[in-house]
């Protein structure tokens, strides 16, 4: 029973941190006492500012990761019109399409509420770019919400997510957990991948560890997801938190400061687990 309570707690944490369910908003930054961030560019940063491991982030997903899911993720991350991406995903769904359609809509709802003029220069630029990509009218947003509700399965699979995370936590040792993690990624369902990656990070850190909320983002970046300077996730970190850099990992390093290496180390361990041969 204790394990199931832990599973429930981690799933709830993952829902907040990694936007697992279709209706959950993006995570808030962890409550860490950090100095106010200032925009930096990887092109101008000195090597001492960045851990060497950032240069080792692979540019392509490993063979065990479902390529159809990564293709959908990449289209979302690079989308120049999130409205067009949304309707393409909802009306011609592919692997993980509805998950990323919901992400696009959730981001645009937040972005279009922003007043770029009230933000500092770097955040203002990121907000303006996201607003340009979120080319919904107010009426268009309402229509999109209705269309997404109509397209979603009436049972979002919350029990399946809970059972999957519970199974991961109760698996037989590190080998068993690694095998389960690998199989989940092979299936290519981002609604399962996000909480399981978050649970794997939490298993190595703890929900209270600074940066744990961004564990799933670091894992998928290390697997070759769309995390570069023009990625939606990179722009959103800049707009929302003032962590402005040329990639998601660099933005997280800027925001988390001395706490970033621990997160990066754990993400690397999760990726190594994924690449273990299945039993």
Protein backbone atom coordinates (compact mmCIF):
# COMPACT_ATOMS: atom_id res chain seq x y z
CA UNK A 1 0.00 0.00 0.00
CA UNK A 2 2.91 2.30 0.78
CA UNK A 3 4.30 1.80 -2.73
CA UNK A 4 0.95 2.68 -4.25
CA UNK A 5 0.83 5.90 -2.21
CA UNK A 6 4.31 6.76 -3.46
CA UNK A 7 3.18 6.01 -7.01
CA UNK A 8 0.19 8.31 -6.66
CA UNK A 9 2.42 11.07 -5.29
CA UNK A 10 4.90 10.75 -8.14
CA UNK A 11 2.17 10.70 -10.76
CA UNK A 12 0.69 13.88 -9.32
CA UNK A 13 4.15 15.44 -9.30
CA UNK A 14 4.72 14.34 -12.87
CA UNK A 15 1.39 15.78 -13.95
CA UNK A 16 2.47 19.16 -12.57
CA UNK A 17 6.05 18.95 -13.75
CA UNK A 18 5.80 17.36 -17.17
CA UNK A 19 2.29 18.19 -18.38
CA UNK A 20 1.25 14.58 -18.66
CA UNK A 21 -2.52 14.83 -18.91
CA UNK A 22 -4.01 16.69 -21.84
CA UNK A 23 -5.61 19.27 -19.57
CA UNK A 24 -2.70 20.01 -17.21
CA UNK A 25 -0.88 23.34 -17.67
CA UNK A 26 2.89 23.72 -17.95
CA UNK A 27 4.97 23.47 -14.77
CA UNK A 28 5.92 26.38 -12.58
CA UNK A 29 9.62 26.76 -11.72
CA UNK A 30 10.81 25.06 -8.55
CA UNK A 31 10.95 27.19 -5.44
CA UNK A 32 14.68 27.78 -5.42
CA UNK A 33 16.37 30.89 -4.05
CA UNK A 34 18.37 31.90 -7.08
CA UNK A 35 19.68 35.27 -8.25
CA UNK A 36 17.64 36.98 -10.95
CA UNK A 37 18.64 35.42 -14.29
CA UNK A 38 20.16 37.45 -17.06
CA UNK A 39 19.95 36.45 -20.72
CA UNK A 40 23.01 34.71 -22.10
CA UNK A 41 23.88 33.13 -25.40
CA UNK A 42 25.72 29.87 -25.77
CA UNK A 43 27.65 31.47 -28.61
CA UNK A 44 29.15 34.04 -26.26
CA UNK A 45 29.34 31.94 -23.08
CA UNK A 46 32.73 30.86 -21.79
CA UNK A 47 33.33 27.10 -21.58
CA UNK A 48 33.39 27.35 -17.78
CA UNK A 49 29.72 28.31 -17.76
CA UNK A 50 28.58 25.09 -19.38
CA UNK A 51 29.23 21.54 -18.23
CA UNK A 52 31.06 19.49 -20.80
CA UNK A 53 28.19 17.04 -20.86
CA UNK A 54 26.01 19.52 -22.81
CA UNK A 55 28.22 18.99 -25.84
CA UNK A 56 27.52 15.26 -25.62
CA UNK A 57 23.74 15.58 -26.03
CA UNK A 58 22.97 13.38 -29.05
CA UNK A 59 21.52 14.93 -32.18
CA UNK A 60 19.39 11.90 -32.98
CA UNK A 61 17.18 9.61 -30.93
CA UNK A 62 18.64 6.19 -30.06
CA UNK A 63 17.34 3.20 -31.94
CA UNK A 64 15.11 2.05 -29.08
CA UNK A 65 13.01 5.23 -29.11
CA UNK A 66 9.90 5.21 -31.28
CA UNK A 67 10.66 7.35 -34.33
CA UNK A 68 7.01 8.15 -35.10
CA UNK A 69 6.63 9.75 -31.67
CA UNK A 70 9.82 11.77 -32.15
CA UNK A 71 8.62 12.97 -35.54
CA UNK A 72 5.48 14.39 -33.91
CA UNK A 73 7.52 15.96 -31.13
CA UNK A 74 9.88 17.55 -33.67
CA UNK A 75 6.98 18.99 -35.70
CA UNK A 76 5.57 20.51 -32.53
CA UNK A 77 8.92 21.91 -31.41
CA UNK A 78 9.64 23.52 -34.79
CA UNK A 79 6.10 24.64 -35.62
CA UNK A 80 5.98 28.14 -37.12
CA UNK A 81 2.19 28.18 -36.86
CA UNK A 82 0.91 26.43 -33.76
CA UNK A 83 -2.63 26.90 -35.02
CA UNK A 84 -1.84 24.92 -38.17
CA UNK A 85 0.01 22.29 -36.13
CA UNK A 86 -2.95 22.00 -33.76
CA UNK A 87 -5.54 21.38 -36.47
CA UNK A 88 -3.27 19.03 -38.40
CA UNK A 89 -2.66 17.00 -35.23
CA UNK A 90 -6.33 16.89 -34.21
CA UNK A 91 -7.72 16.07 -37.65
CA UNK A 92 -4.96 13.75 -38.84
CA UNK A 93 -3.66 12.29 -35.60
CA UNK A 94 -0.45 10.32 -35.53
CA UNK A 95 1.64 8.93 -32.71
CA UNK A 96 1.24 11.29 -29.75
CA UNK A 97 -0.55 13.87 -31.90
CA UNK A 98 -3.38 14.71 -29.49
CA UNK A 99 -0.90 15.08 -26.63
CA UNK A 100 1.10 17.69 -28.54
CA UNK A 101 -2.04 19.34 -29.90
CA UNK A 102 -3.06 19.92 -26.28
CA UNK A 103 0.42 21.25 -25.51
CA UNK A 104 0.20 23.71 -28.39
CA UNK A 105 -3.21 24.94 -27.26
CA UNK A 106 -2.15 25.24 -23.62
CA UNK A 107 0.96 27.24 -24.53
CA UNK A 108 -0.97 29.54 -26.83
CA UNK A 109 -3.60 30.22 -24.18
CA UNK A 110 -0.85 31.41 -21.84
CA UNK A 111 1.15 33.23 -24.49
CA UNK A 112 -1.76 35.24 -25.83
CA UNK A 113 -2.47 36.54 -22.32
CA UNK A 114 1.01 38.08 -22.13
CA UNK A 115 1.76 41.74 -22.69
CA UNK A 116 5.23 41.66 -24.29
CA UNK A 117 5.71 45.37 -23.64
CA UNK A 118 5.70 44.68 -19.88
CA UNK A 119 8.57 42.17 -20.11
CA UNK A 120 12.35 42.71 -20.13
CA UNK A 121 13.94 42.72 -23.62
CA UNK A 122 14.93 39.04 -23.95
CA UNK A 123 11.63 37.77 -22.54
CA UNK A 124 9.76 40.29 -24.68
CA UNK A 125 11.44 38.92 -27.81
CA UNK A 126 10.58 35.32 -26.89
CA UNK A 127 6.97 36.27 -26.08
CA UNK A 128 6.60 38.14 -29.36
CA UNK A 129 7.91 35.15 -31.31
CA UNK A 130 5.57 32.75 -29.53
CA UNK A 131 2.63 35.12 -30.08
CA UNK A 132 3.49 35.21 -33.77
CA UNK A 133 3.42 31.41 -33.88
CA UNK A 134 0.22 31.27 -31.79
CA UNK A 135 -1.83 32.74 -34.61
CA UNK A 136 -5.21 32.04 -32.99
CA UNK A 137 -7.91 34.67 -32.67
CA UNK A 138 -9.89 34.68 -29.37
CA UNK A 139 -12.74 32.99 -31.22
CA UNK A 140 -10.27 30.55 -32.76
CA UNK A 141 -9.06 29.50 -29.31
CA UNK A 142 -12.64 28.73 -28.26
CA UNK A 143 -13.19 26.68 -31.41
CA UNK A 144 -9.92 24.82 -30.81
CA UNK A 145 -10.91 23.96 -27.23
CA UNK A 146 -14.20 22.51 -28.48
CA UNK A 147 -12.46 20.52 -31.21
CA UNK A 148 -9.91 19.11 -28.78
CA UNK A 149 -12.64 18.05 -26.34
CA UNK A 150 -14.45 16.30 -29.17
CA UNK A 151 -11.29 14.54 -30.33
CA UNK A 152 -10.13 13.33 -26.90
CA UNK A 153 -11.00 9.90 -25.60
CA UNK A 154 -13.62 10.32 -22.84
CA UNK A 155 -11.34 8.20 -20.62
CA UNK A 156 -7.92 9.90 -20.66
CA UNK A 157 -6.27 6.82 -19.22
CA UNK A 158 -5.36 8.17 -15.78
CA UNK A 159 -5.56 4.67 -14.32
CA UNK A 160 -3.22 3.34 -16.99
CA UNK A 161 -0.70 6.06 -16.14
CA UNK A 162 -0.95 5.26 -12.43
CA UNK A 163 -0.61 1.53 -13.04
CA UNK A 164 2.42 2.09 -15.28
CA UNK A 165 4.23 4.23 -12.72
CA UNK A 166 3.27 1.83 -9.91
CA UNK A 167 4.65 -1.03 -11.98
CA UNK A 168 7.87 0.89 -12.55
CA UNK A 169 8.32 1.58 -8.82
CA UNK A 170 7.62 -2.01 -7.85
CA UNK A 171 9.75 -3.56 -10.64
CA UNK A 172 12.47 -6.01 -9.62
CA UNK A 173 15.56 -3.88 -9.10
CA UNK A 174 17.35 -1.47 -11.43
CA UNK A 175 17.32 -3.94 -14.32
CA UNK A 176 13.56 -4.41 -14.07
CA UNK A 177 12.91 -0.67 -13.91
CA UNK A 178 15.25 -0.03 -16.85
CA UNK A 179 13.46 -2.67 -18.93
CA UNK A 180 10.07 -1.20 -18.18
CA UNK A 181 11.30 2.29 -19.00
CA UNK A 182 12.70 1.07 -22.32
CA UNK A 183 9.49 -0.70 -23.26
CA UNK A 184 7.44 2.43 -22.53
CA UNK A 185 9.64 4.50 -24.83
CA UNK A 186 9.46 1.82 -27.50
CA UNK A 187 5.65 2.11 -27.47
CA UNK A 188 6.03 5.81 -28.24
CA UNK A 189 3.07 7.11 -26.21
CA UNK A 190 4.09 10.50 -24.76
CA UNK A 191 1.32 10.36 -22.15
CA UNK A 192 3.10 7.34 -20.68
CA UNK A 193 6.64 8.48 -21.43
CA UNK A 194 6.33 11.80 -19.58
CA UNK A 195 5.28 10.41 -16.16
CA UNK A 196 7.60 7.44 -16.41
CA UNK A 197 10.62 9.61 -17.25
CA UNK A 198 9.61 11.94 -14.41
CA UNK A 199 9.29 8.98 -12.02
CA UNK A 200 12.73 7.72 -13.09
CA UNK A 201 14.26 11.13 -12.38
CA UNK A 202 12.49 11.36 -9.02
CA UNK A 203 13.71 7.86 -8.13
CA UNK A 204 17.28 9.17 -8.41
CA UNK A 205 16.65 12.61 -6.88
CA UNK A 206 13.41 13.38 -4.98
CA UNK A 207 10.40 15.54 -5.72
CA UNK A 208 11.88 18.25 -3.47
CA UNK A 209 15.23 18.42 -5.29
CA UNK A 210 15.69 21.70 -7.19
CA UNK A 211 15.23 20.98 -10.87
CA UNK A 212 13.32 17.70 -10.44
CA UNK A 213 10.28 19.26 -12.11
CA UNK A 214 12.31 19.61 -15.32
CA UNK A 215 13.66 16.07 -15.33
CA UNK A 216 11.47 14.78 -18.13
CA UNK A 217 12.45 17.74 -20.33
CA UNK A 218 16.15 16.99 -19.81
CA UNK A 219 15.66 13.31 -20.60
CA UNK A 220 13.91 13.90 -23.93
CA UNK A 221 16.49 16.57 -24.87
CA UNK A 222 19.28 14.08 -24.24
CA UNK A 223 17.44 11.62 -26.47
CA UNK A 224 17.54 14.08 -29.36
CA UNK A 225 14.21 15.88 -28.99
CA UNK A 226 13.68 19.37 -30.39
CA UNK A 227 15.42 21.53 -27.77
CA UNK A 228 17.39 24.09 -29.82
CA UNK A 229 17.22 27.91 -30.00
CA UNK A 230 14.01 28.04 -32.04
CA UNK A 231 12.19 25.26 -30.20
CA UNK A 232 8.88 26.16 -28.58
CA UNK A 233 10.14 24.81 -25.23
CA UNK A 234 13.25 27.02 -25.34
CA UNK A 235 11.21 30.12 -26.12
CA UNK A 236 8.69 29.32 -23.39
CA UNK A 237 11.39 28.94 -20.72
CA UNK A 238 12.65 32.37 -21.70
CA UNK A 239 9.23 34.02 -21.80
CA UNK A 240 7.87 32.52 -18.57
CA UNK A 241 10.94 32.34 -16.36
CA UNK A 242 13.51 34.65 -17.92
CA UNK A 243 15.84 31.71 -18.59
CA UNK A 244 16.95 32.79 -22.05
CA UNK A 245 19.60 30.72 -23.86
CA UNK A 246 20.16 28.75 -27.05
CA UNK A 247 18.71 25.43 -25.88
CA UNK A 248 16.49 23.92 -23.23
CA UNK A 249 19.45 22.44 -21.27
CA UNK A 250 21.32 25.76 -21.37
CA UNK A 251 18.22 27.65 -20.22
CA UNK A 252 17.76 25.21 -17.34
CA UNK A 253 21.41 25.56 -16.41
CA UNK A 254 20.99 29.32 -16.32
CA UNK A 255 17.88 29.14 -14.15
CA UNK A 256 18.96 26.34 -11.81
CA UNK A 257 22.57 27.42 -11.42
CA UNK A 258 24.50 25.17 -9.05
CA UNK A 259 21.60 22.70 -8.96
CA UNK A 260 21.78 21.96 -12.70
CA UNK A 261 24.65 19.39 -12.65
CA UNK A 262 22.65 17.07 -10.39
CA UNK A 263 19.67 17.21 -12.75
CA UNK A 264 21.90 16.65 -15.77
CA UNK A 265 23.59 13.67 -14.11
CA UNK A 266 20.26 12.05 -13.33
CA UNK A 267 18.98 12.64 -16.86
CA UNK A 268 22.12 10.95 -18.20
CA UNK A 269 21.50 7.98 -15.91
CA UNK A 270 17.90 7.64 -17.12
CA UNK A 271 19.12 7.66 -20.72
CA UNK A 272 21.67 4.96 -19.90
CA UNK A 273 18.86 2.90 -18.39
CA UNK A 274 16.86 3.33 -21.58
CA UNK A 275 19.73 2.05 -23.66
CA UNK A 276 20.24 -1.09 -21.63
CA UNK A 277 19.40 -4.24 -23.59
CA UNK A 278 15.93 -5.52 -22.73
CA UNK A 279 15.88 -8.67 -20.67
